[in-house]
Amino acid sequence: MDTSLFDAAFWVTASAILVLLVLSGFFSGSETALTAASRGKLRTAADKGSRGAERALNVTEDSERLIGSVLLGNNVVNILATSLATALLTKLFGQNGVAFATLIMTLLVLIFAEVLPKTYAITNPEKVASRVAAPIAIIVLVFSPIVSAVRFFVRGVLFLFGVRTDPDSHILAVREEIAGALQLGHSEGIVQKEDRDRILGALDLNERMVEEIMLHRSGIETVDVNLPVQEILAQILKSPHTRLPLYRDDPENIVGVIHAKDLLRAMHKLLIDDKFTRKDIGSFDIMSVAMDAYFIPETTTLDDQMREFLRRKTHFALVVDEYGGLQGLITLEDILEEIVGEIADEFDNDDASQVEETSDGAYLVEGGMTLRDLNRAHDWSLPDDEANTIAGLVIHEAQMIPVEGQVFSFHGFRFEVVEKDENRIAVLKVRPL
């Protein structure tokens, strides 16, 4: 090695390589910080007056352009630094300089331009993102034409291979990002199961239909308006429900909804007016205190229906299909239970549990229990894409109406039909395999 080569040009080139490595570390750390930073935390900091956080929010709006610009800058400085190092070491060591340059630059880039800045950035993502947002915004602006051309070329190549890209799509949807964070937090013991279920339940309202949680028409308690008022009054007093649908002639011919309080007010008025006799009560028209029935389509989302309940100041709706046939009913309480879990009151039967654990570690489950409630209660992951209830899932997978005693195994569980009510699966014995 000729020591006379250590001239001014050598030190200028070495200094340039050092600066380029620093720039490479800056690009690597910036990319990690801006992509890992929580937009929620940045928004909170921006609302408190942090201009850096505000700039970080702006620069991360178009994530594709941001990443493209940072990668372009990072590759340019890395390639330039490697080229300078190769030229410098070749002048010092001849042909062996290429091998030395490859080894030395790989170590330098890996340690000081990749691992070190990225480790620091991932440790303090919001802090680093706020600091680098201003220079990165300038770089994005400068490289924007080149990145746009590259993006257009890449999409053209992907199009030739049948891959379609949405320019407005995000790498991760907000809902999926929140759900993933909650699942991770729960698995690490940071987030309680109840808190996770409540938040996920609220997020799911916009994706679920009323038909998934409604009370099926077979379970609806209705009142025949043609019955004597004394019998209607006795039925309403005996019922645990405060609102009951009224029908005439045909149980599906709903003509109104009676509220127990409205009927009580009417009876109280008769008492005050000294008309509380058998004859006066017998001539009382139940429809005079009935409310109009509120019908909704079964394809309404839970989020829309909750907003509609709040707007109309009502808690009760009857669900119909596309032909106007009665399918079930839904209340505001049903929707709230999808968020907070089962809501019990003094009229609910505590013994009417839909799940009972057996001594052998299995579970006796009512066929009408929804898969969502079952998954939520036991942290299972039975699919609910094709069926809403556990009985529906068994019928869908078996492609038949099973008989008592028949056993199936799918999705990591063993299902045994314990009890049937005509063609309906009443009770199943479920055991994780």
Protein backbone atom coordinates (compact mmCIF):
# COMPACT_ATOMS: atom_id res chain seq x y z
CA MET A 1 0.00 0.00 0.00
CA ASP A 2 1.40 3.35 -1.05
CA THR A 3 1.10 5.84 1.84
CA SER A 4 1.52 8.70 -0.59
CA LEU A 5 -2.06 8.01 -1.66
CA PHE A 6 -3.26 9.52 1.63
CA ASP A 7 -3.56 12.95 0.05
CA ALA A 8 -6.29 15.59 0.16
CA ALA A 9 -8.42 13.65 -2.35
CA PHE A 10 -8.37 10.61 -0.07
CA TRP A 11 -9.63 12.58 2.94
CA VAL A 12 -12.27 14.37 0.87
CA THR A 13 -13.54 11.03 -0.45
CA ALA A 14 -13.49 9.46 3.02
CA SER A 15 -15.37 12.44 4.42
CA ALA A 16 -17.93 12.16 1.63
CA ILE A 17 -18.43 8.47 2.43
CA LEU A 18 -18.94 9.35 6.10
CA VAL A 19 -21.53 12.04 5.22
CA LEU A 20 -23.32 9.62 2.91
CA LEU A 21 -23.47 7.01 5.69
CA VAL A 22 -24.98 9.62 8.01
CA LEU A 23 -27.57 10.46 5.33
CA SER A 24 -28.29 6.76 4.87
CA GLY A 25 -28.88 6.41 8.60
CA PHE A 26 -31.13 9.49 8.50
CA PHE A 27 -33.25 8.00 5.70
CA SER A 28 -33.47 4.60 7.38
CA GLY A 29 -34.42 6.02 10.75
CA SER A 30 -36.91 8.45 9.21
CA GLU A 31 -38.65 5.69 7.27
CA THR A 32 -38.98 3.56 10.41
CA ALA A 33 -40.16 6.43 12.61
CA LEU A 34 -42.73 7.81 10.16
CA THR A 35 -44.23 4.40 9.39
CA ALA A 36 -44.20 3.18 13.02
CA ALA A 37 -45.44 6.37 14.65
CA SER A 38 -49.00 6.27 15.94
CA ARG A 39 -51.15 8.78 14.07
CA GLY A 40 -53.35 8.96 17.13
CA LYS A 41 -50.44 10.06 19.33
CA LEU A 42 -49.24 12.47 16.67
CA ARG A 43 -52.72 13.99 16.45
CA THR A 44 -52.82 14.41 20.23
CA ALA A 45 -49.41 16.12 20.17
CA ALA A 46 -50.47 18.31 17.23
CA ASP A 47 -53.62 19.38 19.09
CA LYS A 48 -51.38 20.45 21.97
CA GLY A 49 -49.43 22.73 19.63
CA SER A 50 -46.56 20.54 18.35
CA ARG A 51 -45.70 21.78 14.84
CA GLY A 52 -43.41 18.79 14.27
CA ALA A 53 -46.25 16.38 14.95
CA GLU A 54 -48.50 18.36 12.59
CA ARG A 55 -45.87 18.14 9.85
CA ALA A 56 -45.45 14.40 10.52
CA LEU A 57 -49.20 13.91 10.07
CA ASN A 58 -49.13 15.80 6.79
CA VAL A 59 -46.12 13.97 5.39
CA THR A 60 -47.58 10.54 6.22
CA GLU A 61 -50.91 11.24 4.48
CA ASP A 62 -49.59 9.75 1.23
CA SER A 63 -47.65 6.77 2.58
CA GLU A 64 -46.77 5.46 -0.87
CA ARG A 65 -45.13 8.70 -1.97
CA LEU A 66 -43.37 9.03 1.39
CA ILE A 67 -41.87 5.53 1.30
CA GLY A 68 -40.93 5.92 -2.36
CA SER A 69 -39.06 9.16 -1.72
CA VAL A 70 -37.24 7.85 1.35
CA LEU A 71 -36.24 4.62 -0.41
CA LEU A 72 -35.03 6.59 -3.41
CA GLY A 73 -32.87 8.84 -1.23
CA ASN A 74 -31.60 5.89 0.80
CA ASN A 75 -30.61 3.88 -2.27
CA VAL A 76 -28.92 6.85 -3.91
CA VAL A 77 -26.68 7.59 -0.91
CA ASN A 78 -25.93 3.89 -0.28
CA ILE A 79 -24.94 3.23 -3.88
CA LEU A 80 -22.90 6.42 -4.06
CA ALA A 81 -21.12 5.65 -0.78
CA THR A 82 -20.30 2.12 -1.93
CA SER A 83 -19.03 3.38 -5.29
CA LEU A 84 -16.76 5.94 -3.63
CA ALA A 85 -15.48 3.35 -1.16
CA THR A 86 -14.74 0.92 -3.99
CA ALA A 87 -12.83 3.56 -5.95
CA LEU A 88 -10.93 4.66 -2.86
CA LEU A 89 -9.93 1.20 -1.67
CA THR A 90 -9.10 0.03 -5.21
CA LYS A 91 -6.61 2.90 -5.43
CA LEU A 92 -5.12 1.78 -2.11
CA PHE A 93 -5.16 -2.01 -2.46
CA GLY A 94 -5.50 -2.62 -6.16
CA GLN A 95 -7.89 -5.39 -7.22
CA ASN A 96 -8.27 -6.51 -3.58
CA GLY A 97 -9.93 -3.17 -2.90
CA VAL A 98 -13.24 -4.43 -4.32
CA ALA A 99 -13.39 -7.20 -1.71
CA PHE A 100 -12.34 -4.84 1.07
CA ALA A 101 -14.92 -2.26 -0.04
CA THR A 102 -17.69 -4.88 -0.09
CA LEU A 103 -16.82 -6.14 3.39
CA ILE A 104 -16.25 -2.76 5.02
CA MET A 105 -19.30 -1.02 3.48
CA THR A 106 -21.56 -3.96 4.32
CA LEU A 107 -20.57 -3.71 7.99
CA LEU A 108 -20.78 0.09 8.08
CA VAL A 109 -24.14 0.26 6.31
CA LEU A 110 -25.61 -2.59 8.34
CA ILE A 111 -24.54 -1.21 11.72
CA PHE A 112 -24.57 2.57 11.36
CA ALA A 113 -27.02 3.12 8.50
CA GLU A 114 -29.61 0.43 9.23
CA VAL A 115 -29.68 -1.28 12.62
CA LEU A 116 -28.60 1.64 14.84
CA PRO A 117 -30.91 4.37 13.42
CA LYS A 118 -33.86 2.00 13.02
CA THR A 119 -33.49 0.71 16.58
CA TYR A 120 -33.47 4.26 17.93
CA ALA A 121 -36.40 5.26 15.72
CA ILE A 122 -38.57 2.30 16.71
CA THR A 123 -37.84 3.10 20.37
CA ASN A 124 -39.06 6.72 20.03
CA PRO A 125 -41.19 6.76 16.86
CA GLU A 126 -43.37 9.82 17.56
CA LYS A 127 -40.44 11.89 18.86
CA VAL A 128 -38.21 11.04 15.88
CA ALA A 129 -41.06 11.47 13.38
CA SER A 130 -41.75 14.99 14.65
CA ARG A 131 -38.08 15.96 14.28
CA VAL A 132 -37.47 14.53 10.81
CA ALA A 133 -40.83 15.55 9.31
CA ALA A 134 -39.63 18.95 8.05
CA PRO A 135 -36.54 17.78 6.06
CA ILE A 136 -38.39 14.68 4.84
CA ALA A 137 -41.21 16.89 3.55
CA ILE A 138 -38.66 18.80 1.43
CA ILE A 139 -37.15 15.55 0.14
CA VAL A 140 -40.60 14.22 -0.75
CA LEU A 141 -41.33 17.43 -2.66
CA VAL A 142 -38.01 17.29 -4.55
CA PHE A 143 -38.28 13.60 -5.41
CA SER A 144 -42.01 13.74 -6.15
CA PRO A 145 -41.69 13.76 -9.99
CA ILE A 146 -39.29 10.80 -9.98
CA VAL A 147 -41.39 8.85 -7.46
CA SER A 148 -44.54 9.50 -9.49
CA ALA A 149 -42.87 8.18 -12.62
CA VAL A 150 -41.60 5.10 -10.77
CA ARG A 151 -45.03 4.52 -9.24
CA PHE A 152 -46.68 4.74 -12.65
CA PHE A 153 -44.14 2.28 -14.11
CA VAL A 154 -44.57 -0.18 -11.21
CA ARG A 155 -48.35 -0.14 -11.52
CA GLY A 156 -48.04 -0.69 -15.24
CA VAL A 157 -45.87 -3.75 -14.70
CA LEU A 158 -48.25 -5.10 -12.05
CA PHE A 159 -51.17 -4.49 -14.40
CA LEU A 160 -49.51 -6.67 -17.03
CA PHE A 161 -49.41 -9.50 -14.49
CA GLY A 162 -53.07 -9.04 -13.55
CA VAL A 163 -52.47 -7.21 -10.25
CA ARG A 164 -54.75 -4.22 -9.67
CA THR A 165 -53.72 -1.55 -7.15
CA ASP A 166 -55.92 1.04 -5.49
CA PRO A 167 -54.07 4.36 -5.26
CA ASP A 168 -56.31 5.48 -2.40
CA SER A 169 -56.00 2.32 -0.31
CA HIS A 170 -54.02 2.21 2.92
CA ILE A 171 -51.57 -0.49 3.85
CA LEU A 172 -53.73 -1.30 6.86
CA ALA A 173 -57.30 -0.24 7.45
CA VAL A 174 -57.83 1.70 10.64
CA ARG A 175 -60.22 -0.93 11.99
CA GLU A 176 -57.74 -3.75 11.34
CA GLU A 177 -54.94 -1.78 12.92
CA ILE A 178 -56.96 -1.15 16.08
CA ALA A 179 -58.16 -4.75 16.23
CA GLY A 180 -54.61 -6.05 15.81
CA ALA A 181 -53.31 -3.76 18.55
CA LEU A 182 -56.07 -4.91 20.90
CA GLN A 183 -55.40 -8.60 20.20
CA LEU A 184 -51.69 -8.08 20.74
CA GLY A 185 -52.31 -6.14 23.94
CA HIS A 186 -54.62 -8.86 25.24
CA SER A 187 -52.13 -11.63 24.45
CA GLU A 188 -49.46 -9.69 26.36
CA GLY A 189 -51.75 -9.10 29.34
CA ILE A 190 -51.93 -5.32 28.86
CA VAL A 191 -55.56 -5.16 27.67
CA GLN A 192 -58.30 -6.92 29.62
CA LYS A 193 -60.56 -9.31 27.69
CA GLU A 194 -63.67 -7.31 28.60
CA ASP A 195 -62.12 -4.06 27.33
CA ARG A 196 -61.01 -5.74 24.10
CA ASP A 197 -64.47 -7.20 23.51
CA ARG A 198 -66.21 -3.87 24.11
CA ILE A 199 -64.03 -1.93 21.70
CA LEU A 200 -64.15 -4.63 19.01
CA GLY A 201 -67.91 -4.87 19.48
CA ALA A 202 -68.29 -1.15 18.85
CA LEU A 203 -66.05 -1.34 15.77
CA ASP A 204 -68.09 -4.22 14.35
CA LEU A 205 -71.46 -2.47 14.47
CA ASN A 206 -71.05 -1.04 10.99
CA GLU A 207 -70.28 -4.47 9.50
CA ARG A 208 -73.08 -6.49 11.08
CA MET A 209 -76.75 -6.70 10.14
CA VAL A 210 -79.77 -6.77 12.42
CA GLU A 211 -80.65 -10.26 11.15
CA GLU A 212 -77.54 -11.57 12.91
CA ILE A 213 -78.69 -10.65 16.42
CA MET A 214 -82.48 -10.27 16.15
CA LEU A 215 -84.84 -12.46 18.14
CA HIS A 216 -86.28 -14.90 15.62
CA ARG A 217 -90.02 -14.75 15.04
CA SER A 218 -90.41 -18.20 16.63
CA GLY A 219 -89.36 -16.67 19.96
CA ILE A 220 -91.45 -13.49 19.81
CA GLU A 221 -94.22 -13.15 22.36
CA THR A 222 -97.24 -11.52 20.71
CA VAL A 223 -100.71 -10.49 21.88
CA ASP A 224 -103.95 -11.20 20.01
CA VAL A 225 -106.03 -8.00 19.95
CA ASN A 226 -109.19 -10.08 19.57
CA LEU A 227 -108.80 -11.52 23.07
CA PRO A 228 -110.82 -10.04 25.93
CA VAL A 229 -109.08 -7.12 27.59
CA GLN A 230 -108.85 -9.03 30.87
CA GLU A 231 -106.84 -11.79 29.18
CA ILE A 232 -104.63 -9.27 27.40
CA LEU A 233 -103.98 -7.48 30.69
CA ALA A 234 -103.13 -10.78 32.42
CA GLN A 235 -100.73 -11.76 29.62
CA ILE A 236 -98.94 -8.41 29.72
CA LEU A 237 -98.61 -8.50 33.51
CA LYS A 238 -97.20 -12.03 33.33
CA SER A 239 -94.73 -11.21 30.56
CA PRO A 240 -91.16 -10.12 31.45
CA HIS A 241 -91.28 -7.67 28.53
CA THR A 242 -92.62 -4.11 28.64
CA ARG A 243 -93.34 -3.91 24.89
CA LEU A 244 -95.31 -6.59 23.07
CA PRO A 245 -96.40 -6.71 19.40
CA LEU A 246 -100.15 -6.86 18.75
CA TYR A 247 -101.56 -9.00 15.95
CA ARG A 248 -104.99 -9.57 14.47
CA ASP A 249 -106.09 -12.97 13.09
CA ASP A 250 -102.59 -13.96 11.87
CA PRO A 251 -99.51 -13.78 14.18
CA GLU A 252 -97.58 -12.19 11.29
CA ASN A 253 -100.24 -9.50 10.81
CA ILE A 254 -98.76 -7.04 13.29
CA VAL A 255 -101.11 -4.09 13.85
CA GLY A 256 -99.26 -2.27 16.62
CA VAL A 257 -97.14 -2.47 19.75
CA ILE A 258 -98.46 -2.17 23.28
CA HIS A 259 -96.35 -0.70 26.06
CA ALA A 260 -97.22 -1.95 29.54
CA LYS A 261 -96.93 1.57 30.92
CA ASP A 262 -99.41 2.95 28.40
CA LEU A 263 -101.90 0.23 29.34
CA LEU A 264 -101.32 0.95 33.04
CA ARG A 265 -102.03 4.65 32.47
CA ALA A 266 -105.27 3.78 30.66
CA MET A 267 -106.36 1.47 33.48
CA HIS A 268 -105.48 4.15 36.03
CA LYS A 269 -107.59 6.69 34.14
CA LEU A 270 -110.58 4.31 34.23
CA LEU A 271 -110.06 3.92 37.96
CA ILE A 272 -109.98 7.68 38.51
CA ASP A 273 -113.08 8.18 36.36
CA ASP A 274 -114.93 5.52 38.39
CA LYS A 275 -115.27 3.35 35.31
CA PHE A 276 -113.15 0.49 36.58
CA THR A 277 -115.86 -2.12 36.30
CA ARG A 278 -115.91 -5.41 34.43
CA LYS A 279 -118.25 -3.90 31.84
CA ASP A 280 -116.11 -0.78 31.33
CA ILE A 281 -112.92 -2.81 31.08
CA GLY A 282 -114.56 -5.26 28.70
CA SER A 283 -115.46 -2.47 26.29
CA PHE A 284 -111.98 -0.95 26.41
CA ASP A 285 -110.26 -0.81 22.98
CA ILE A 286 -106.66 -1.99 23.34
CA MET A 287 -105.74 -0.32 20.04
CA SER A 288 -106.51 3.08 21.55
CA VAL A 289 -103.28 2.92 23.56
CA ALA A 290 -101.19 0.93 21.07
CA MET A 291 -98.23 2.47 19.25
CA ASP A 292 -97.62 2.11 15.54
CA ALA A 293 -95.34 -0.79 14.74
CA TYR A 294 -91.86 0.21 13.54
CA PHE A 295 -90.60 -2.07 10.75
CA ILE A 296 -87.03 -2.26 9.48
CA PRO A 297 -85.34 -4.39 6.79
CA GLU A 298 -83.19 -7.29 7.94
CA THR A 299 -80.18 -5.92 6.01
CA THR A 300 -79.91 -2.77 8.16
CA THR A 301 -76.52 -2.45 9.84
CA LEU A 302 -76.40 -2.33 13.63
CA ASP A 303 -74.66 1.04 13.55
CA ASP A 304 -77.39 2.59 11.38
CA GLN A 305 -80.13 1.02 13.46
CA MET A 306 -78.68 2.28 16.74
CA ARG A 307 -78.54 5.80 15.31
CA GLU A 308 -82.12 5.43 14.10
CA PHE A 309 -83.28 4.23 17.54
CA LEU A 310 -81.67 7.28 19.13
CA ARG A 311 -83.14 9.64 16.53
CA ARG A 312 -86.66 8.25 16.84
CA LYS A 313 -86.38 7.94 20.63
CA THR A 314 -87.62 4.36 20.51
CA HIS A 315 -86.09 1.05 21.59
CA PHE A 316 -88.11 -1.54 19.69
CA ALA A 317 -88.33 -2.54 16.01
CA LEU A 318 -89.78 -5.44 14.04
CA VAL A 319 -87.57 -6.95 11.35
CA VAL A 320 -89.00 -7.91 7.95
CA ASP A 321 -87.50 -9.53 4.87
CA GLU A 322 -87.59 -8.23 1.29
CA TYR A 323 -91.14 -9.56 0.87
CA GLY A 324 -92.42 -7.84 4.01
CA GLY A 325 -92.64 -11.08 6.00
CA LEU A 326 -91.95 -10.87 9.72
CA GLN A 327 -88.54 -12.29 10.57
CA GLY A 328 -87.92 -11.16 14.12
CA LEU A 329 -87.52 -8.20 16.42
CA ILE A 330 -84.61 -6.18 17.72
CA THR A 331 -84.24 -3.72 20.57
CA LEU A 332 -81.70 -1.09 21.50
CA GLU A 333 -80.63 -3.37 24.36
CA ASP A 334 -79.75 -6.10 21.84
CA ILE A 335 -77.36 -3.73 20.07
CA LEU A 336 -75.82 -2.46 23.29
CA GLU A 337 -75.22 -6.05 24.38
CA GLU A 338 -73.02 -6.51 21.30
CA ILE A 339 -70.73 -3.90 22.86
CA VAL A 340 -70.91 -4.40 26.63
CA GLY A 341 -72.02 -8.03 26.82
CA GLU A 342 -75.14 -9.54 28.36
CA ILE A 343 -77.35 -7.05 30.21
CA ALA A 344 -79.51 -8.75 32.85
CA ASP A 345 -82.33 -7.24 34.88
CA GLU A 346 -84.57 -8.43 37.72
CA PHE A 347 -86.93 -10.16 35.27
CA ASP A 348 -84.26 -12.22 33.51
CA ASN A 349 -84.00 -15.89 34.40
CA ASP A 350 -80.55 -16.49 35.85
CA ASP A 351 -80.87 -20.22 35.21
CA ALA A 352 -81.48 -19.75 31.49
CA SER A 353 -77.81 -19.96 30.54
CA GLN A 354 -77.13 -20.95 26.95
CA VAL A 355 -73.85 -22.68 27.86
CA GLU A 356 -73.25 -25.27 30.56
CA GLU A 357 -69.87 -26.84 31.20
CA THR A 358 -69.84 -30.60 31.76
CA SER A 359 -67.58 -32.62 34.05
CA ASP A 360 -65.57 -33.97 31.11
CA GLY A 361 -64.53 -30.50 29.89
CA ALA A 362 -67.12 -30.20 27.13
CA TYR A 363 -69.90 -27.60 26.84
CA LEU A 364 -73.63 -28.08 26.38
CA VAL A 365 -74.70 -25.24 24.10
CA GLU A 366 -78.16 -24.22 23.00
CA GLY A 367 -78.44 -24.45 19.23
CA GLY A 368 -79.77 -20.91 18.97
CA MET A 369 -76.72 -19.33 20.62
CA THR A 370 -74.90 -17.01 18.25
CA LEU A 371 -71.36 -17.88 17.23
CA ARG A 372 -70.23 -14.39 18.13
CA ASP A 373 -71.44 -14.74 21.73
CA LEU A 374 -69.86 -18.19 21.98
CA ASN A 375 -66.54 -16.96 20.60
CA ARG A 376 -66.60 -13.96 22.90
CA ALA A 377 -67.40 -16.03 26.00
CA HIS A 378 -64.67 -18.64 25.46
CA ASP A 379 -62.13 -16.86 23.22
CA TRP A 380 -62.87 -19.30 20.41
CA SER A 381 -62.63 -18.52 16.71
CA LEU A 382 -65.51 -20.42 15.13
CA PRO A 383 -66.27 -18.82 11.74
CA ASP A 384 -69.50 -16.83 11.48
CA ASP A 385 -69.40 -16.01 7.77
CA GLU A 386 -71.93 -18.63 6.67
CA ALA A 387 -74.05 -19.00 9.82
CA ASN A 388 -75.10 -16.88 12.79
CA THR A 389 -75.80 -19.64 15.32
CA ILE A 390 -73.93 -22.74 16.44
CA ALA A 391 -76.74 -24.93 15.09
CA GLY A 392 -76.57 -23.14 11.75
CA LEU A 393 -72.81 -23.75 11.57
CA VAL A 394 -73.26 -27.49 12.15
CA ILE A 395 -75.99 -27.74 9.49
CA HIS A 396 -73.90 -25.71 7.03
CA GLU A 397 -70.80 -27.85 7.51
CA ALA A 398 -72.71 -31.14 7.56
CA GLN A 399 -74.82 -30.14 4.53
CA MET A 400 -77.75 -31.97 6.13
CA ILE A 401 -80.17 -31.92 9.07
CA PRO A 402 -78.37 -34.17 11.58
CA VAL A 403 -80.07 -36.63 13.91
CA GLU A 404 -79.67 -36.96 17.66
CA GLY A 405 -76.39 -38.57 18.63
CA GLN A 406 -74.63 -37.68 15.38
CA VAL A 407 -71.08 -36.39 15.80
CA PHE A 408 -69.07 -34.03 13.57
CA SER A 409 -65.55 -32.62 13.76
CA PHE A 410 -64.50 -29.41 12.03
CA HIS A 411 -62.73 -26.12 12.76
CA GLY A 412 -60.85 -27.79 15.63
CA PHE A 413 -63.99 -28.76 17.58
CA ARG A 414 -66.11 -31.87 18.11
CA PHE A 415 -69.88 -31.33 17.83
CA GLU A 416 -72.43 -33.85 19.10
CA VAL A 417 -76.17 -33.36 18.56
CA VAL A 418 -77.66 -33.98 22.02
CA GLU A 419 -81.25 -32.83 21.56
CA LYS A 420 -83.52 -31.87 18.67
CA ASP A 421 -86.90 -30.16 18.47
CA GLU A 422 -88.41 -31.39 15.21
CA ASN A 423 -85.93 -30.18 12.57
CA ARG A 424 -84.26 -27.69 14.91
CA ILE A 425 -81.06 -28.54 16.77
CA ALA A 426 -81.89 -27.68 20.37
CA VAL A 427 -78.71 -28.66 22.25
CA LEU A 428 -75.17 -29.43 21.12
CA LYS A 429 -72.23 -30.82 23.01
CA VAL A 430 -69.11 -28.95 21.95
CA ARG A 431 -65.56 -29.91 22.84
CA PRO A 432 -62.32 -28.36 21.57
CA LEU A 433 -60.14 -31.01 19.94
